[in-house]
Protein backbone atom coordinates (compact mmCIF):
# COMPACT_ATOMS: atom_id res chain seq x y z
CA MET A 1 -31.69 46.02 -20.90
CA ASP A 2 -30.39 43.50 -23.42
CA GLN A 3 -28.19 45.92 -25.41
CA ILE A 4 -26.08 49.03 -24.89
CA LEU A 5 -24.80 51.70 -27.27
CA ILE A 6 -20.99 52.16 -27.60
CA SER A 7 -19.48 55.22 -29.42
CA THR A 8 -16.26 54.73 -31.41
CA GLN A 9 -13.70 57.32 -32.54
CA ARG A 10 -15.41 57.70 -35.87
CA ALA A 11 -18.59 58.58 -34.15
CA GLN A 12 -20.17 55.46 -35.40
CA ILE A 13 -22.71 53.64 -33.34
CA LYS A 14 -22.06 50.01 -32.54
CA THR A 15 -24.44 47.66 -30.67
CA VAL A 16 -23.13 45.00 -28.47
CA ASN A 17 -25.25 42.22 -27.07
CA ILE A 18 -24.68 41.90 -23.36
CA LYS A 19 -25.63 38.33 -23.30
CA THR A 20 -22.83 37.38 -25.61
CA GLN A 21 -20.21 39.04 -23.39
CA ILE A 22 -21.01 36.75 -20.44
CA PRO A 23 -18.83 33.59 -20.43
CA THR A 24 -20.56 30.25 -20.38
CA PRO A 25 -20.49 28.71 -16.94
CA THR A 26 -18.13 25.79 -16.38
CA SER A 27 -19.84 22.45 -16.89
CA PHE A 28 -20.69 20.45 -13.76
CA ASP A 29 -17.99 17.95 -12.59
CA PRO A 30 -19.52 15.07 -10.69
CA LEU A 31 -16.06 14.32 -9.13
CA TRP A 32 -16.16 17.68 -7.29
CA PRO A 33 -19.47 17.89 -5.41
CA THR A 34 -20.48 21.51 -4.66
CA PRO A 35 -23.12 22.57 -2.05
CA ALA A 36 -26.08 24.21 -3.48
CA PRO A 37 -26.55 27.99 -3.03
CA GLY A 38 -27.62 28.76 0.56
CA GLN A 39 -25.92 25.56 1.93
CA PHE A 40 -22.43 26.91 2.26
CA PHE A 41 -20.47 25.92 5.31
CA HIS A 42 -18.64 27.93 8.08
CA SER A 43 -15.37 27.91 6.19
CA ASP A 44 -16.86 29.03 2.95
CA PRO A 45 -15.62 32.60 2.14
CA ARG A 46 -18.80 33.33 0.31
CA ASN A 47 -20.81 32.91 3.47
CA ARG A 48 -20.25 35.77 6.04
CA LYS A 49 -22.94 34.44 8.39
CA LYS A 50 -22.58 31.35 10.64
CA VAL A 51 -24.76 28.63 9.30
CA GLU A 52 -26.03 25.91 11.53
CA ASP A 53 -27.12 22.90 9.37
CA PRO A 54 -27.06 19.52 10.96
CA ARG A 55 -27.39 17.80 7.67
CA PHE A 56 -23.79 18.66 6.88
CA THR A 57 -22.02 19.45 10.13
CA LYS A 58 -22.79 15.99 11.57
CA PHE A 59 -20.03 14.50 9.44
CA GLY A 60 -17.42 16.10 11.77
CA GLU A 61 -13.96 14.70 11.07
CA LEU A 62 -15.21 12.36 8.36
CA ALA A 63 -15.84 15.37 6.17
CA SER A 64 -13.39 16.04 3.29
CA GLU A 65 -11.99 19.35 2.18
CA ASN A 66 -15.28 19.85 0.31
CA ASN A 67 -17.45 19.02 3.30
CA ILE A 68 -18.44 15.77 1.69
CA PRO A 69 -18.24 12.48 3.79
CA CYS A 70 -15.10 10.57 2.99
CA THR A 71 -17.40 7.46 2.47
CA ALA A 72 -18.52 9.17 -0.68
CA TYR A 73 -15.04 8.81 -2.19
CA THR A 74 -15.17 5.40 -3.75
CA ASP A 75 -12.20 3.76 -5.53
CA ASP A 76 -13.53 4.70 -8.91
CA ILE A 77 -13.94 8.34 -8.00
CA CYS A 78 -10.33 8.37 -6.45
CA TYR A 79 -9.01 6.85 -9.67
CA GLN A 80 -10.66 9.36 -11.79
CA GLN A 81 -9.26 12.15 -9.62
CA GLN A 82 -5.76 10.54 -9.77
CA GLU A 83 -5.83 10.36 -13.53
CA LYS A 84 -7.04 13.88 -13.88
CA LEU A 85 -5.00 15.62 -11.14
CA GLY A 86 -2.08 13.23 -10.31
CA ARG A 87 -1.67 11.20 -7.10
CA GLU A 88 -0.39 14.34 -5.09
CA ASN A 89 -3.55 16.26 -5.63
CA VAL A 90 -6.34 13.75 -5.01
CA SER A 91 -8.73 14.14 -1.96
CA LYS A 92 -7.31 13.35 1.37
CA CYS A 93 -10.21 10.96 1.66
CA CYS A 94 -8.49 8.67 -0.97
CA LYS A 95 -6.43 6.89 1.71
CA LYS A 96 -5.62 3.74 -0.23
CA GLY A 97 -3.06 5.78 -2.24
CA ILE A 98 -2.78 3.55 -5.28
CA TYR A 99 -5.46 3.18 -7.96
CA LEU A 100 -4.72 1.18 -11.08
CA THR A 101 -8.29 1.04 -12.46
CA ASP A 102 -11.87 2.01 -11.72
CA VAL A 103 -13.38 -1.46 -12.26
CA CYS A 104 -12.58 -2.95 -8.87
CA MET A 105 -15.96 -2.04 -7.50
CA PRO A 106 -19.05 -4.15 -6.67
CA GLY A 107 -21.05 -4.23 -9.86
CA LYS A 108 -18.06 -3.47 -12.08
CA CYS A 109 -15.77 -6.32 -11.28
CA SER A 110 -15.96 -9.81 -12.68
CA ASN A 111 -14.17 -13.09 -13.00
CA HIS A 112 -12.09 -11.42 -15.67
CA THR A 113 -10.84 -8.71 -13.23
CA ILE A 114 -9.73 -10.90 -10.29
CA GLN A 115 -6.06 -10.75 -11.00
CA LEU A 116 -5.97 -6.95 -11.55
CA CYS A 117 -8.17 -6.21 -8.60
CA CYS A 118 -6.07 -8.46 -6.33
CA PHE A 119 -2.94 -6.89 -7.52
CA GLN A 120 -4.25 -3.36 -6.87
CA LYS A 121 -5.52 -4.38 -3.42
CA PHE A 122 -2.03 -5.86 -2.61
CA LEU A 123 -0.36 -2.54 -3.56
CA GLN A 124 -2.93 -0.68 -1.61
CA ALA A 125 -2.30 -2.84 1.48
CA ARG A 126 1.48 -2.15 1.41
CA TYR A 127 0.88 1.58 0.93
CA THR A 128 -1.53 1.60 3.89
CA CYS A 129 1.11 0.14 6.22
CA CYS A 130 3.79 2.46 4.83
CA GLU A 131 1.64 5.45 5.82
CA ASP A 132 0.98 3.96 9.42
CA ASP A 133 3.38 5.82 11.78
CA GLU A 134 2.98 3.05 14.34
CA GLN A 135 5.03 0.76 11.96
CA SER A 136 8.07 2.85 13.06
CA LEU A 137 7.46 2.12 16.71
CA GLY A 138 8.17 -0.99 18.84
CA PRO A 139 10.84 -3.68 18.97
CA ALA A 140 13.82 -3.73 16.62
CA SER A 141 12.70 -7.16 15.05
CA THR A 142 9.12 -7.73 14.27
CA ASN A 143 6.56 -9.19 11.77
CA GLN A 144 4.17 -6.26 12.46
CA PHE A 145 4.52 -4.76 8.97
CA SER A 146 3.96 -8.07 7.25
CA MET A 147 0.87 -8.69 9.42
CA CYS A 148 -0.41 -5.27 8.55
CA CYS A 149 -0.03 -6.12 4.91
CA HIS A 150 -1.76 -9.41 5.30
CA ASP A 151 -4.74 -8.04 7.22
CA ASN A 152 -5.30 -5.31 4.72
CA PHE A 153 -5.04 -7.69 1.79
CA VAL A 154 -6.59 -10.83 2.91
CA ASN A 155 -10.19 -10.05 3.90
CA GLU A 156 -13.64 -10.30 2.59
CA ASP A 157 -13.91 -8.39 -0.81
CA GLU A 158 -16.28 -8.90 -3.75
CA CYS A 159 -13.55 -8.16 -6.31
CA CYS A 160 -10.72 -10.10 -4.70
CA GLY A 161 -12.11 -12.78 -2.39
CA LYS A 162 -10.49 -13.78 0.82
CA GLU A 163 -9.59 -17.25 -0.25
CA THR A 164 -8.05 -15.92 -3.53
CA ALA A 165 -6.08 -13.29 -1.64
CA ALA A 166 -4.88 -15.94 0.90
CA SER A 167 -3.53 -18.00 -1.92
CA TYR A 168 -1.74 -15.08 -3.57
CA TRP A 169 -0.32 -14.11 -0.10
CA ARG A 170 1.71 -17.32 0.13
CA SER A 171 3.66 -16.41 -2.87
CA VAL A 172 3.80 -12.59 -2.70
CA HIS A 173 4.43 -11.98 1.09
CA GLU A 174 8.14 -11.65 0.49
CA VAL A 175 7.67 -8.34 -1.38
CA CYS A 176 5.42 -6.63 1.19
CA TYR A 177 8.25 -5.32 3.27
CA PRO A 178 9.05 -1.49 3.83
CA ASN A 179 12.54 -1.94 2.53
CA THR A 180 11.72 -4.06 -0.49
CA LYS A 181 11.57 -2.26 -3.83
CA VAL A 182 10.08 -3.95 -6.83
CA ASP A 183 10.06 -2.71 -10.39
CA TYR A 184 6.58 -3.37 -11.82
CA ALA A 185 7.35 -1.32 -15.02
CA GLY A 186 7.53 -4.48 -17.22
CA ILE A 187 3.97 -5.58 -16.31
CA LYS A 188 0.94 -5.22 -18.53
CA MET A 189 -2.35 -6.60 -17.47
CA GLU A 190 -5.18 -7.13 -20.04
CA VAL A 191 -8.84 -7.37 -18.94
CA ARG A 192 -11.50 -8.37 -21.33
CA PHE A 193 -14.83 -6.83 -21.34
CA ALA A 194 -17.92 -7.08 -23.43
CA GLU A 195 -16.81 -3.86 -25.19
CA GLY A 196 -13.29 -4.94 -25.76
CA VAL A 197 -9.91 -5.26 -23.99
CA ARG A 198 -8.52 -2.91 -21.51
CA VAL A 199 -4.68 -2.83 -20.83
CA VAL A 200 -3.28 -1.56 -17.54
CA ASP A 201 0.49 -0.75 -18.34
CA MET A 202 2.56 -0.46 -15.10
CA SER A 203 5.28 1.57 -17.04
CA GLU A 204 2.71 4.34 -17.66
CA ASN A 205 0.88 4.29 -14.47
CA ARG A 206 3.72 4.46 -11.92
CA VAL A 207 1.65 5.08 -8.79
CA TRP A 208 3.38 2.04 -7.34
CA ASP A 209 6.81 3.84 -7.33
CA TYR A 210 7.08 5.67 -4.04
CA GLU A 211 9.23 5.62 -0.83
CA CYS A 212 7.78 3.80 2.15
CA ARG A 213 7.73 6.21 5.16
CA ASN A 214 7.42 3.76 8.06
CA GLY A 215 8.89 0.54 9.22
CA VAL A 216 12.32 0.90 7.50
CA ASN A 217 14.16 1.32 10.83
CA ARG A 218 13.12 -2.19 12.05
CA THR A 219 14.13 -5.70 10.95
CA GLN A 220 11.05 -7.25 9.44
CA TYR A 221 10.09 -10.88 8.93
CA ALA A 222 7.14 -12.63 7.39
CA TYR A 223 3.65 -13.26 8.83
CA ILE A 224 2.26 -16.40 7.49
CA PRO A 225 -0.97 -17.53 9.30
């Protein structure tokens, strides 16, 4: 029944449309994939029965907290989550840790984005090594951290080519150490697109400002192949 009758203290009759009392459902957010009804997983509190569905359980350890494969979390999705929720609350699948922009993706990057994308990739390389527990193990003097940075930075990439990264490495390798703190707050990078200019301001996006967890207990020296 679409309408009900409600009596007031003055014995008046008031009609209320039930449909207008139901809140509008939250709009779909593509950054947070949700399984369709009937496709809930074992850990879903809404599903009391064990569900065996190989389409989803095959992901195993690669599955994120939403049972979506981590390969689905591309840099642009991680960037949008970071901007919306803060770095501390992004998916655990966003392992690169630092996202300055959402344009460093095949199909989005161009010759105009090389500097920005290489800078982001360099920061991501250092972050990856800082999160690697093995960097705290081994001899007291090593170039292991620097080699880790190099290998994560200088490789095939459509948005920051291997040769370009290798050229950058010769001048920036000295700041890719666990004990080296660099203040990037004064840097602004402008990228020109057909629709206009986008500015990435390091003083506003301070995701680069963090404490390195590993490698600080060892004397580090440079790796230059």
